[in-house]
Protein backbone atom coordinates (compact mmCIF):
# COMPACT_ATOMS: atom_id res chain seq x y z
CA MET A 1 65.16 107.58 45.54
CA LEU A 2 66.41 105.43 42.71
CA ALA A 3 69.77 103.69 43.03
CA LEU A 4 71.74 103.90 39.80
CA ALA A 5 75.12 102.43 38.98
CA GLY A 6 77.84 104.23 37.07
CA SER A 7 78.07 107.91 36.22
CA PHE A 8 74.83 109.84 36.46
CA CYS A 9 73.84 113.42 35.80
CA SER A 10 71.94 114.65 38.86
CA ALA A 11 70.88 117.83 37.03
CA CYS A 12 69.40 115.68 34.25
CA PHE A 13 67.55 113.61 36.82
CA GLY A 14 66.11 116.82 38.23
CA TRP A 15 64.39 117.75 34.98
CA LEU A 16 63.41 114.13 34.42
CA VAL A 17 61.58 114.08 37.75
CA HIS A 18 59.83 117.32 36.80
CA PHE A 19 58.61 116.30 33.33
CA VAL A 20 57.73 112.61 33.64
CA SER A 21 55.41 110.89 36.08
CA GLY A 22 56.55 108.24 38.50
CA SER A 23 55.27 105.45 36.28
CA GLU A 24 57.13 106.90 33.26
CA ARG A 25 60.44 107.41 35.07
CA GLN A 26 61.76 103.85 34.79
CA SER A 27 61.05 103.76 31.06
CA ALA A 28 62.71 107.16 30.61
CA LEU A 29 65.85 106.10 32.48
CA ALA A 30 66.46 103.50 29.76
CA LEU A 31 67.93 106.29 27.60
CA HIS A 32 70.75 106.89 30.07
CA ARG A 33 71.35 103.16 30.55
CA ALA A 34 71.44 102.66 26.77
CA LEU A 35 74.09 105.35 26.34
CA GLN A 36 76.15 103.80 29.13
CA ALA A 37 75.89 100.35 27.53
CA GLY A 38 76.86 101.66 24.09
CA GLY A 39 79.83 103.49 25.57
CA THR A 40 81.36 100.23 26.76
CA GLN A 41 81.87 99.07 23.16
CA THR A 42 84.52 100.12 20.62
CA GLU A 43 83.12 98.99 17.26
CA PRO A 44 80.23 100.90 15.61
CA ALA A 45 77.88 97.93 15.22
CA ALA A 46 78.57 96.79 18.79
CA VAL A 47 77.93 100.29 20.18
CA LEU A 48 74.52 100.44 18.51
CA ALA A 49 73.68 96.82 19.42
CA ALA A 50 74.51 97.35 23.10
CA ALA A 51 72.37 100.48 23.28
CA ALA A 52 69.50 98.81 21.40
CA ALA A 53 69.63 95.84 23.78
CA VAL A 54 68.71 98.23 26.61
CA LEU A 55 66.07 100.14 24.65
CA THR A 56 64.22 97.09 23.29
CA PRO A 57 62.81 95.91 26.64
CA ALA A 58 61.86 99.50 27.51
CA ALA A 59 59.64 99.54 24.42
CA SER A 60 57.56 96.80 26.04
CA ALA A 61 57.42 98.48 29.45
CA ASP A 62 54.35 100.15 30.86
CA PRO A 63 54.38 102.92 29.82
CA PRO A 64 56.43 102.12 26.74
CA LEU A 65 59.48 104.00 25.54
CA VAL A 66 58.79 104.87 21.89
CA LEU A 67 62.11 105.16 20.08
CA ASP A 68 62.51 108.00 17.59
CA TYR A 69 66.16 107.36 16.72
CA LEU A 70 69.36 105.70 17.90
CA ALA A 71 72.38 106.83 15.89
CA LEU A 72 76.15 106.96 15.93
CA PHE A 73 77.54 110.15 14.35
CA ASP A 74 80.90 111.61 13.39
CA PRO A 75 81.09 114.82 15.47
CA ALA A 76 82.93 116.65 12.66
CA ASP A 77 80.04 116.56 10.17
CA LEU A 78 77.22 114.61 11.91
CA SER A 79 77.32 111.89 9.27
CA ALA A 80 76.67 108.29 10.30
CA VAL A 81 79.89 106.47 11.11
CA ALA A 82 81.00 103.66 8.82
CA ALA A 83 81.81 100.15 10.02
CA ASP A 84 85.55 100.90 9.72
CA TYR A 85 85.35 104.28 11.52
CA SER A 86 87.96 105.03 14.17
CA GLY A 87 87.94 108.01 16.51
CA GLU A 88 85.50 109.89 18.67
CA ALA A 89 81.80 109.58 17.81
CA ILE A 90 78.50 110.72 19.25
CA LEU A 91 75.95 108.12 20.30
CA ALA A 92 72.56 109.85 20.24
CA VAL A 93 69.09 108.70 21.20
CA ALA A 94 65.63 110.26 21.17
CA ALA A 95 62.44 108.67 22.40
CA LYS A 96 59.05 109.54 23.78
CA VAL A 97 57.65 108.38 27.12
CA GLY A 98 54.08 109.45 27.61
CA ALA A 99 53.81 113.02 26.35
CA THR A 100 57.51 113.82 26.94
CA ARG A 101 60.15 113.60 24.21
CA LEU A 102 63.58 112.81 25.61
CA ILE A 103 66.87 113.42 23.79
CA ASP A 104 70.36 112.53 25.03
CA ASN A 105 73.83 111.81 23.68
CA VAL A 106 77.30 110.81 24.78
CA ARG A 107 80.73 110.83 23.19
CA VAL A 108 82.21 107.37 22.63
CA LYS A 109 85.61 106.17 21.44
CA ILE A 110 85.51 103.92 18.41
CA GLY A 111 88.29 101.62 17.22
CA SER A 112 91.92 101.80 18.22
CA GLY A 113 92.28 105.47 17.28
CA GLY A 114 89.47 106.68 19.58
């Protein structure tokens, strides 16, 4: 069993175990860790940078995580948030590990009004 810090969705882990092989699992878990890292930040650029800092090494892992997108959206209209955005946003990521495409997102608070 893997030991993971912070909040973790056990139901999500259940499907992850079903659809990815043991060797792919560590690369796939980078999505969750990236969302957690991004959620610790409060400025749009910092949110994306923190998430990317987790995903970048996973791209060099064996097997690699192949990033499709990493984005920060306004939940009202799904537009990309501006640098001066304040409020709740959605940090979303999609990537492929082996033959499995993984998609996840989390709500994050941006700026002082979040």
